[in-house]
Amino acid sequence: MAEYKLWDALKEAKKYKWVELSHSLNNESPYWSGIPEGSVELGTTVWDWGKPELECLIQTFKFPGQFGTHIDFPGHFVRGRALSEQYDVHDLIFPLVVIDISEQAKQDPRYTVTVDDIRAYEAQYGEIPEGALVALRSDWYKKWPDIDALSGIDADGHENAPGWSLEALKYIYEVRHAAANGHETLDTDSSAVAEAEGDLACERYVLDQGKLQVEVLANLDQVQPAGAVVLISYPRIEGATGLPARVWAITE
């Protein structure tokens, strides 16, 4: 009987835990307030049942590129840089590293991950592997789909959400040579960093390095901190600065 190595490998992979890391989307799902109202129209019927020409159902879908769990390409923040068509299937599977800052975020909703946090992770699990996607677990995904809770809007109208620091990103990219980063929050930068810089300086740095990032991840608390693999899929639309993504992990 013939042996097929990849079929056997798939059977083996399915013995592990597969974890959904993306949020489900509908017409009520939140998006950045700067995007015009009416930018989301999911599942509009344009060909209905009962037509004699062909009995089927066809829908259209309208959404911003940065909608729900999504991938950002460098051209999102840096003029003239790579957009969606410049990435192929080889660029969409990574070793997954999960840095847990959920306890710190409970104490301080503006918590900014530090290089020491990442070194503490490495002391326990080993060095971040080259080509990894490094994700911040804050348990912020549990606030979905409440946009005010995700943003951490307080009585004064200020945002309060945890996130990355520039120093931590430089460490994972310039020292450990990661390929991508991810987080459960709406933005890369912690609110404290964004406020101090007057810009999303961390996101700008990531994309200026030609790296990828995935925002508004979910269920990172269900993935082992080290040893998992993450896969990203999205519609193959050319010229996109970002696209909603289906993201999942295979974990021990």
C-alpha atoms as a PDB file:
ATOM      1  CA  MET A   1       0.000   0.000   0.000  1.00  0.00           C
ATOM      2  CA  ALA A   2       1.335   3.444  -0.924  1.00  0.00           C
ATOM      3  CA  GLU A   3       2.535   5.757   1.836  1.00  0.00           C
ATOM      4  CA  TYR A   4       1.898   9.475   1.661  1.00  0.00           C
ATOM      5  CA  LYS A   5       4.014  11.407   4.119  1.00  0.00           C
ATOM      6  CA  LEU A   6       1.973  14.601   4.209  1.00  0.00           C
ATOM      7  CA  TRP A   7      -1.297  12.730   4.759  1.00  0.00           C
ATOM      8  CA  ASP A   8       0.317  10.903   7.628  1.00  0.00           C
ATOM      9  CA  ALA A   9       1.696  14.194   8.986  1.00  0.00           C
ATOM     10  CA  LEU A  10      -1.798  15.716   8.870  1.00  0.00           C
ATOM     11  CA  LYS A  11      -3.231  12.791  10.822  1.00  0.00           C
ATOM     12  CA  GLU A  12      -0.492  13.326  13.389  1.00  0.00           C
ATOM     13  CA  ALA A  13      -1.121  17.099  13.532  1.00  0.00           C
ATOM     14  CA  LYS A  14      -4.830  16.531  14.191  1.00  0.00           C
ATOM     15  CA  LYS A  15      -3.922  14.706  17.398  1.00  0.00           C
ATOM     16  CA  TYR A  16      -2.886  18.091  18.806  1.00  0.00           C
ATOM     17  CA  LYS A  17      -5.213  20.867  19.999  1.00  0.00           C
ATOM     18  CA  TRP A  18      -6.348  23.289  17.283  1.00  0.00           C
ATOM     19  CA  VAL A  19      -7.344  26.696  18.669  1.00  0.00           C
ATOM     20  CA  GLU A  20      -9.343  29.409  16.915  1.00  0.00           C
ATOM     21  CA  LEU A  21      -7.532  32.736  17.394  1.00  0.00           C
ATOM     22  CA  SER A  22      -9.906  34.992  15.449  1.00  0.00           C
ATOM     23  CA  HIS A  23     -13.219  36.603  16.360  1.00  0.00           C
ATOM     24  CA  SER A  24     -16.431  35.825  14.511  1.00  0.00           C
ATOM     25  CA  LEU A  25     -17.772  38.838  12.576  1.00  0.00           C
ATOM     26  CA  ASN A  26     -21.247  40.153  11.826  1.00  0.00           C
ATOM     27  CA  ASN A  27     -22.893  43.479  10.955  1.00  0.00           C
ATOM     28  CA  GLU A  28     -22.741  44.589  14.602  1.00  0.00           C
ATOM     29  CA  SER A  29     -19.000  43.933  15.054  1.00  0.00           C
ATOM     30  CA  PRO A  30     -16.997  46.987  16.128  1.00  0.00           C
ATOM     31  CA  TYR A  31     -14.373  48.843  14.125  1.00  0.00           C
ATOM     32  CA  TRP A  32     -12.246  51.968  14.518  1.00  0.00           C
ATOM     33  CA  SER A  33     -14.337  55.108  14.886  1.00  0.00           C
ATOM     34  CA  GLY A  34     -12.310  56.895  12.201  1.00  0.00           C
ATOM     35  CA  ILE A  35     -13.755  54.566   9.551  1.00  0.00           C
ATOM     36  CA  PRO A  36     -16.948  56.073   8.053  1.00  0.00           C
ATOM     37  CA  GLU A  37     -20.291  54.756   9.238  1.00  0.00           C
ATOM     38  CA  GLY A  38     -21.808  52.305   6.792  1.00  0.00           C
ATOM     39  CA  SER A  39     -18.472  50.695   5.905  1.00  0.00           C
ATOM     40  CA  VAL A  40     -19.702  47.268   7.023  1.00  0.00           C
ATOM     41  CA  GLU A  41     -22.393  45.393   5.126  1.00  0.00           C
ATOM     42  CA  LEU A  42     -21.966  41.658   5.517  1.00  0.00           C
ATOM     43  CA  GLY A  43     -24.057  39.042   3.738  1.00  0.00           C
ATOM     44  CA  THR A  44     -26.217  41.294   1.555  1.00  0.00           C
ATOM     45  CA  THR A  45     -28.248  39.049  -0.756  1.00  0.00           C
ATOM     46  CA  VAL A  46     -27.770  39.888  -4.442  1.00  0.00           C
ATOM     47  CA  TRP A  47     -29.156  36.624  -5.903  1.00  0.00           C
ATOM     48  CA  ASP A  48     -31.886  34.895  -3.964  1.00  0.00           C
ATOM     49  CA  TRP A  49     -33.519  31.496  -3.950  1.00  0.00           C
ATOM     50  CA  GLY A  50     -36.389  30.977  -6.353  1.00  0.00           C
ATOM     51  CA  LYS A  51     -34.861  32.325  -9.568  1.00  0.00           C
ATOM     52  CA  PRO A  52     -35.648  30.012 -12.495  1.00  0.00           C
ATOM     53  CA  GLU A  53     -32.251  30.662 -14.127  1.00  0.00           C
ATOM     54  CA  LEU A  54     -30.305  29.114 -11.221  1.00  0.00           C
ATOM     55  CA  GLU A  55     -31.485  27.983  -7.789  1.00  0.00           C
ATOM     56  CA  CYS A  56     -28.809  29.337  -5.464  1.00  0.00           C
ATOM     57  CA  LEU A  57     -27.944  32.122  -3.015  1.00  0.00           C
ATOM     58  CA  ILE A  58     -25.218  34.762  -3.609  1.00  0.00           C
ATOM     59  CA  GLN A  59     -24.182  37.465  -1.154  1.00  0.00           C
ATOM     60  CA  THR A  60     -21.831  40.456  -1.160  1.00  0.00           C
ATOM     61  CA  PHE A  61     -19.559  41.523   1.696  1.00  0.00           C
ATOM     62  CA  LYS A  62     -18.355  45.053   2.397  1.00  0.00           C
ATOM     63  CA  PHE A  63     -15.833  45.686   5.190  1.00  0.00           C
ATOM     64  CA  PRO A  64     -12.747  47.767   6.057  1.00  0.00           C
ATOM     65  CA  GLY A  65      -9.378  46.069   5.735  1.00  0.00           C
ATOM     66  CA  GLN A  66      -8.767  46.618   9.447  1.00  0.00           C
ATOM     67  CA  PHE A  67     -11.905  44.817  10.685  1.00  0.00           C
ATOM     68  CA  GLY A  68     -12.058  42.309  13.518  1.00  0.00           C
ATOM     69  CA  THR A  69      -9.075  39.997  13.778  1.00  0.00           C
ATOM     70  CA  HIS A  70      -6.932  41.246  10.909  1.00  0.00           C
ATOM     71  CA  ILE A  71      -3.469  41.248   9.404  1.00  0.00           C
ATOM     72  CA  ASP A  72      -1.652  44.523   8.680  1.00  0.00           C
ATOM     73  CA  PHE A  73       0.846  44.905   5.838  1.00  0.00           C
ATOM     74  CA  PRO A  74       3.687  47.478   5.852  1.00  0.00           C
ATOM     75  CA  GLY A  75       1.938  49.822   3.407  1.00  0.00           C
ATOM     76  CA  HIS A  76      -0.758  50.421   6.026  1.00  0.00           C
ATOM     77  CA  PHE A  77       1.491  52.929   7.825  1.00  0.00           C
ATOM     78  CA  VAL A  78       4.469  53.447   5.496  1.00  0.00           C
ATOM     79  CA  ARG A  79       3.976  54.947   2.037  1.00  0.00           C
ATOM     80  CA  GLY A  80       5.181  52.793  -0.815  1.00  0.00           C
ATOM     81  CA  ARG A  81       5.836  49.686   1.274  1.00  0.00           C
ATOM     82  CA  ALA A  82       4.618  46.135   0.706  1.00  0.00           C
ATOM     83  CA  LEU A  83       0.891  45.415   0.413  1.00  0.00           C
ATOM     84  CA  SER A  84      -1.048  42.164   0.478  1.00  0.00           C
ATOM     85  CA  GLU A  85      -0.009  40.766  -2.906  1.00  0.00           C
ATOM     86  CA  GLN A  86       3.659  40.734  -1.921  1.00  0.00           C
ATOM     87  CA  TYR A  87       3.145  37.909   0.586  1.00  0.00           C
ATOM     88  CA  ASP A  88       2.602  34.286  -0.323  1.00  0.00           C
ATOM     89  CA  VAL A  89       1.694  31.117   1.541  1.00  0.00           C
ATOM     90  CA  HIS A  90       5.248  30.637   2.815  1.00  0.00           C
ATOM     91  CA  ASP A  91       4.913  33.885   4.786  1.00  0.00           C
ATOM     92  CA  LEU A  92       1.786  32.832   6.684  1.00  0.00           C
ATOM     93  CA  ILE A  93       2.877  30.054   9.045  1.00  0.00           C
ATOM     94  CA  PHE A  94       5.050  30.720  12.095  1.00  0.00           C
ATOM     95  CA  PRO A  95       6.321  29.283  15.362  1.00  0.00           C
ATOM     96  CA  LEU A  96       4.052  30.938  17.953  1.00  0.00           C
ATOM     97  CA  VAL A  97       5.412  32.610  21.078  1.00  0.00           C
ATOM     98  CA  VAL A  98       2.860  33.793  23.661  1.00  0.00           C
ATOM     99  CA  ILE A  99       4.040  36.383  26.195  1.00  0.00           C
ATOM    100  CA  ASP A 100       1.551  36.479  29.070  1.00  0.00           C
ATOM    101  CA  ILE A 101       0.937  39.952  30.531  1.00  0.00           C
ATOM    102  CA  SER A 102      -2.633  39.224  31.645  1.00  0.00           C
ATOM    103  CA  GLU A 103      -1.904  39.630  35.371  1.00  0.00           C
ATOM    104  CA  GLN A 104      -0.101  42.930  34.823  1.00  0.00           C
ATOM    105  CA  ALA A 105      -2.986  44.143  32.640  1.00  0.00           C
ATOM    106  CA  LYS A 106      -5.451  43.354  35.443  1.00  0.00           C
ATOM    107  CA  GLN A 107      -3.499  45.639  37.754  1.00  0.00           C
ATOM    108  CA  ASP A 108      -2.752  48.316  35.164  1.00  0.00           C
ATOM    109  CA  PRO A 109      -4.940  48.498  32.036  1.00  0.00           C
ATOM    110  CA  ARG A 110      -2.274  50.685  30.383  1.00  0.00           C
ATOM    111  CA  TYR A 111       0.475  48.150  31.037  1.00  0.00           C
ATOM    112  CA  THR A 112       3.351  48.308  28.567  1.00  0.00           C
ATOM    113  CA  VAL A 113       5.309  45.109  27.973  1.00  0.00           C
ATOM    114  CA  THR A 114       9.029  45.449  28.759  1.00  0.00           C
ATOM    115  CA  VAL A 115      12.187  43.747  27.558  1.00  0.00           C
ATOM    116  CA  ASP A 116      12.439  42.273  31.062  1.00  0.00           C
ATOM    117  CA  ASP A 117       9.040  40.613  30.546  1.00  0.00           C
ATOM    118  CA  ILE A 118      10.346  38.983  27.390  1.00  0.00           C
ATOM    119  CA  ARG A 119      13.624  37.938  29.015  1.00  0.00           C
ATOM    120  CA  ALA A 120      11.637  36.386  31.864  1.00  0.00           C
ATOM    121  CA  TYR A 121       9.693  34.389  29.248  1.00  0.00           C
ATOM    122  CA  GLU A 122      12.953  33.262  27.629  1.00  0.00           C
ATOM    123  CA  ALA A 123      14.418  32.237  30.990  1.00  0.00           C
ATOM    124  CA  GLN A 124      11.497  29.819  31.367  1.00  0.00           C
ATOM    125  CA  TYR A 125      10.869  28.656  27.794  1.00  0.00           C
ATOM    126  CA  GLY A 126      14.042  29.372  25.836  1.00  0.00           C
ATOM    127  CA  GLU A 127      14.953  31.995  23.271  1.00  0.00           C
ATOM    128  CA  ILE A 128      12.343  33.261  20.837  1.00  0.00           C
ATOM    129  CA  PRO A 129      13.008  31.317  17.608  1.00  0.00           C
ATOM    130  CA  GLU A 130      13.937  33.185  14.455  1.00  0.00           C
ATOM    131  CA  GLY A 131      10.901  33.717  12.238  1.00  0.00           C
ATOM    132  CA  ALA A 132       8.388  33.514  15.098  1.00  0.00           C
ATOM    133  CA  LEU A 133       5.137  35.388  15.540  1.00  0.00           C
ATOM    134  CA  VAL A 134       5.323  36.864  19.038  1.00  0.00           C
ATOM    135  CA  ALA A 135       1.891  37.481  20.555  1.00  0.00           C
ATOM    136  CA  LEU A 136       0.913  39.363  23.710  1.00  0.00           C
ATOM    137  CA  ARG A 137      -1.665  37.611  25.839  1.00  0.00           C
ATOM    138  CA  SER A 138      -3.578  40.209  27.859  1.00  0.00           C
ATOM    139  CA  ASP A 139      -6.983  38.426  27.991  1.00  0.00           C
ATOM    140  CA  TRP A 140      -8.324  41.631  26.402  1.00  0.00           C
ATOM    141  CA  TYR A 141     -10.179  39.489  23.852  1.00  0.00           C
ATOM    142  CA  LYS A 142     -12.785  38.746  26.533  1.00  0.00           C
ATOM    143  CA  LYS A 143     -14.021  42.342  26.142  1.00  0.00           C
ATOM    144  CA  TRP A 144     -15.099  41.704  22.520  1.00  0.00           C
ATOM    145  CA  PRO A 145     -17.383  43.013  20.998  1.00  0.00           C
ATOM    146  CA  ASP A 146     -17.752  46.032  23.334  1.00  0.00           C
ATOM    147  CA  ILE A 147     -15.713  48.736  21.580  1.00  0.00           C
ATOM    148  CA  ASP A 148     -15.624  50.980  24.649  1.00  0.00           C
ATOM    149  CA  ALA A 149     -14.349  48.113  26.807  1.00  0.00           C
ATOM    150  CA  LEU A 150     -11.752  47.156  24.186  1.00  0.00           C
ATOM    151  CA  SER A 151     -10.554  50.757  24.069  1.00  0.00           C
ATOM    152  CA  GLY A 152     -10.798  51.059  27.853  1.00  0.00           C
ATOM    153  CA  ILE A 153     -12.589  54.402  27.554  1.00  0.00           C
ATOM    154  CA  ASP A 154     -12.712  56.093  30.961  1.00  0.00           C
ATOM    155  CA  ALA A 155     -14.913  58.904  32.311  1.00  0.00           C
ATOM    156  CA  ASP A 156     -12.532  61.468  30.820  1.00  0.00           C
ATOM    157  CA  GLY A 157     -12.671  59.881  27.368  1.00  0.00           C
ATOM    158  CA  HIS A 158      -9.100  58.540  27.519  1.00  0.00           C
ATOM    159  CA  GLU A 159      -8.205  55.111  26.167  1.00  0.00           C
ATOM    160  CA  ASN A 160      -6.721  52.551  28.536  1.00  0.00           C
ATOM    161  CA  ALA A 161      -5.378  49.377  26.956  1.00  0.00           C
ATOM    162  CA  PRO A 162      -2.167  47.356  27.397  1.00  0.00           C
ATOM    163  CA  GLY A 163       0.301  46.806  24.594  1.00  0.00           C
ATOM    164  CA  TRP A 164       3.794  46.908  23.220  1.00  0.00           C
ATOM    165  CA  SER A 165       6.711  49.203  23.935  1.00  0.00           C
ATOM    166  CA  LEU A 166       9.192  50.211  21.269  1.00  0.00           C
ATOM    167  CA  GLU A 167      12.026  48.646  23.286  1.00  0.00           C
ATOM    168  CA  ALA A 168      10.246  45.272  23.451  1.00  0.00           C
ATOM    169  CA  LEU A 169       9.560  45.300  19.713  1.00  0.00           C
ATOM    170  CA  LYS A 170      13.165  46.181  18.931  1.00  0.00           C
ATOM    171  CA  TYR A 171      14.254  43.257  21.074  1.00  0.00           C
ATOM    172  CA  ILE A 172      12.061  40.689  19.308  1.00  0.00           C
ATOM    173  CA  TYR A 173      12.915  41.997  15.841  1.00  0.00           C
ATOM    174  CA  GLU A 174      16.509  43.205  16.055  1.00  0.00           C
ATOM    175  CA  VAL A 175      17.853  40.714  18.602  1.00  0.00           C
ATOM    176  CA  ARG A 176      15.645  37.633  18.095  1.00  0.00           C
ATOM    177  CA  HIS A 177      14.713  38.241  14.423  1.00  0.00           C
ATOM    178  CA  ALA A 178      10.997  37.508  14.771  1.00  0.00           C
ATOM    179  CA  ALA A 179       8.845  37.688  11.638  1.00  0.00           C
ATOM    180  CA  ALA A 180       5.618  39.100  13.073  1.00  0.00           C
ATOM    181  CA  ASN A 181       3.851  40.211  16.219  1.00  0.00           C
ATOM    182  CA  GLY A 182       0.281  39.981  17.460  1.00  0.00           C
ATOM    183  CA  HIS A 183      -1.992  41.140  20.258  1.00  0.00           C
ATOM    184  CA  GLU A 184      -5.578  40.936  21.482  1.00  0.00           C
ATOM    185  CA  THR A 185      -6.025  44.699  21.667  1.00  0.00           C
ATOM    186  CA  LEU A 186      -7.119  47.105  18.929  1.00  0.00           C
ATOM    187  CA  ASP A 187      -3.682  48.726  18.678  1.00  0.00           C
ATOM    188  CA  THR A 188      -0.030  47.710  18.834  1.00  0.00           C
ATOM    189  CA  ASP A 189       0.969  50.468  21.246  1.00  0.00           C
ATOM    190  CA  SER A 190      -0.157  50.515  24.834  1.00  0.00           C
ATOM    191  CA  SER A 191      -2.343  53.549  25.535  1.00  0.00           C
ATOM    192  CA  ALA A 192       0.475  54.972  27.651  1.00  0.00           C
ATOM    193  CA  VAL A 193       2.939  54.817  24.735  1.00  0.00           C
ATOM    194  CA  ALA A 194       0.458  56.176  22.191  1.00  0.00           C
ATOM    195  CA  GLU A 195      -0.388  59.072  24.479  1.00  0.00           C
ATOM    196  CA  ALA A 196       3.255  59.917  25.173  1.00  0.00           C
ATOM    197  CA  GLU A 197       4.242  59.751  21.483  1.00  0.00           C
ATOM    198  CA  GLY A 198       1.132  61.364  20.048  1.00  0.00           C
ATOM    199  CA  ASP A 199       1.228  58.603  17.444  1.00  0.00           C
ATOM    200  CA  LEU A 200       1.054  54.829  17.107  1.00  0.00           C
ATOM    201  CA  ALA A 201       4.852  54.772  17.130  1.00  0.00           C
ATOM    202  CA  CYS A 202       5.122  51.037  17.854  1.00  0.00           C
ATOM    203  CA  GLU A 203       2.863  50.081  14.951  1.00  0.00           C
ATOM    204  CA  ARG A 204       4.766  52.466  12.688  1.00  0.00           C
ATOM    205  CA  TYR A 205       8.060  50.833  13.731  1.00  0.00           C
ATOM    206  CA  VAL A 206       6.795  47.279  13.057  1.00  0.00           C
ATOM    207  CA  LEU A 207       5.509  48.102   9.587  1.00  0.00           C
ATOM    208  CA  ASP A 208       8.546  50.227   8.724  1.00  0.00           C
ATOM    209  CA  GLN A 209      10.664  47.130   9.414  1.00  0.00           C
ATOM    210  CA  GLY A 210       8.699  45.306   6.714  1.00  0.00           C
ATOM    211  CA  LYS A 211       7.146  43.008   9.323  1.00  0.00           C
ATOM    212  CA  LEU A 212       3.585  41.731   9.636  1.00  0.00           C
ATOM    213  CA  GLN A 213       1.243  42.034  12.578  1.00  0.00           C
ATOM    214  CA  VAL A 214      -2.091  40.519  13.562  1.00  0.00           C
ATOM    215  CA  GLU A 215      -4.449  42.572  15.706  1.00  0.00           C
ATOM    216  CA  VAL A 216      -7.515  41.707  17.794  1.00  0.00           C
ATOM    217  CA  LEU A 217      -6.495  38.095  18.377  1.00  0.00           C
ATOM    218  CA  ALA A 218      -8.569  35.799  20.611  1.00  0.00           C
ATOM    219  CA  ASN A 219      -8.072  32.770  22.854  1.00  0.00           C
ATOM    220  CA  LEU A 220      -4.341  33.091  23.454  1.00  0.00           C
ATOM    221  CA  ASP A 221      -5.025  31.753  26.955  1.00  0.00           C
ATOM    222  CA  GLN A 222      -5.815  28.391  25.328  1.00  0.00           C
ATOM    223  CA  VAL A 223      -2.397  28.065  23.654  1.00  0.00           C
ATOM    224  CA  GLN A 224       0.841  26.820  25.191  1.00  0.00           C
ATOM    225  CA  PRO A 225       3.335  29.695  25.699  1.00  0.00           C
ATOM    226  CA  ALA A 226       5.943  27.879  23.593  1.00  0.00           C
ATOM    227  CA  GLY A 227       5.930  25.104  21.020  1.00  0.00           C
ATOM    228  CA  ALA A 228       2.754  25.977  19.083  1.00  0.00           C
ATOM    229  CA  VAL A 229       2.445  26.830  15.393  1.00  0.00           C
ATOM    230  CA  VAL A 230       0.174  29.597  14.085  1.00  0.00           C
ATOM    231  CA  LEU A 231      -1.391  29.894  10.618  1.00  0.00           C
ATOM    232  CA  ILE A 232      -2.957  32.979   9.031  1.00  0.00           C
ATOM    233  CA  SER A 233      -5.404  32.988   6.137  1.00  0.00           C
ATOM    234  CA  TYR A 234      -7.147  35.895   4.417  1.00  0.00           C
ATOM    235  CA  PRO A 235      -8.806  36.711   1.063  1.00  0.00           C
ATOM    236  CA  ARG A 236      -6.274  37.057  -1.761  1.00  0.00           C
ATOM    237  CA  ILE A 237      -7.154  40.666  -2.576  1.00  0.00           C
ATOM    238  CA  GLU A 238      -4.435  42.759  -4.250  1.00  0.00           C
ATOM    239  CA  GLY A 239      -3.362  46.165  -2.974  1.00  0.00           C
ATOM    240  CA  ALA A 240      -4.774  45.725   0.536  1.00  0.00           C
ATOM    241  CA  THR A 241      -3.199  47.508   3.518  1.00  0.00           C
ATOM    242  CA  GLY A 242      -4.880  44.977   5.779  1.00  0.00           C
ATOM    243  CA  LEU A 243      -7.520  42.260   5.671  1.00  0.00           C
ATOM    244  CA  PRO A 244      -9.751  40.383   8.098  1.00  0.00           C
ATOM    245  CA  ALA A 245      -7.976  37.106   8.852  1.00  0.00           C
ATOM    246  CA  ARG A 246      -8.797  33.579   9.983  1.00  0.00           C
ATOM    247  CA  VAL A 247      -6.056  32.694  12.435  1.00  0.00           C
ATOM    248  CA  TRP A 248      -5.544  29.411  14.260  1.00  0.00           C
ATOM    249  CA  ALA A 249      -2.911  27.679  16.337  1.00  0.00           C
ATOM    250  CA  ILE A 250      -1.883  24.043  16.618  1.00  0.00           C
ATOM    251  CA  THR A 251      -0.694  23.511  20.160  1.00  0.00           C
ATOM    252  CA  GLU A 252       0.297  20.726  22.515  1.00  0.00           C
END
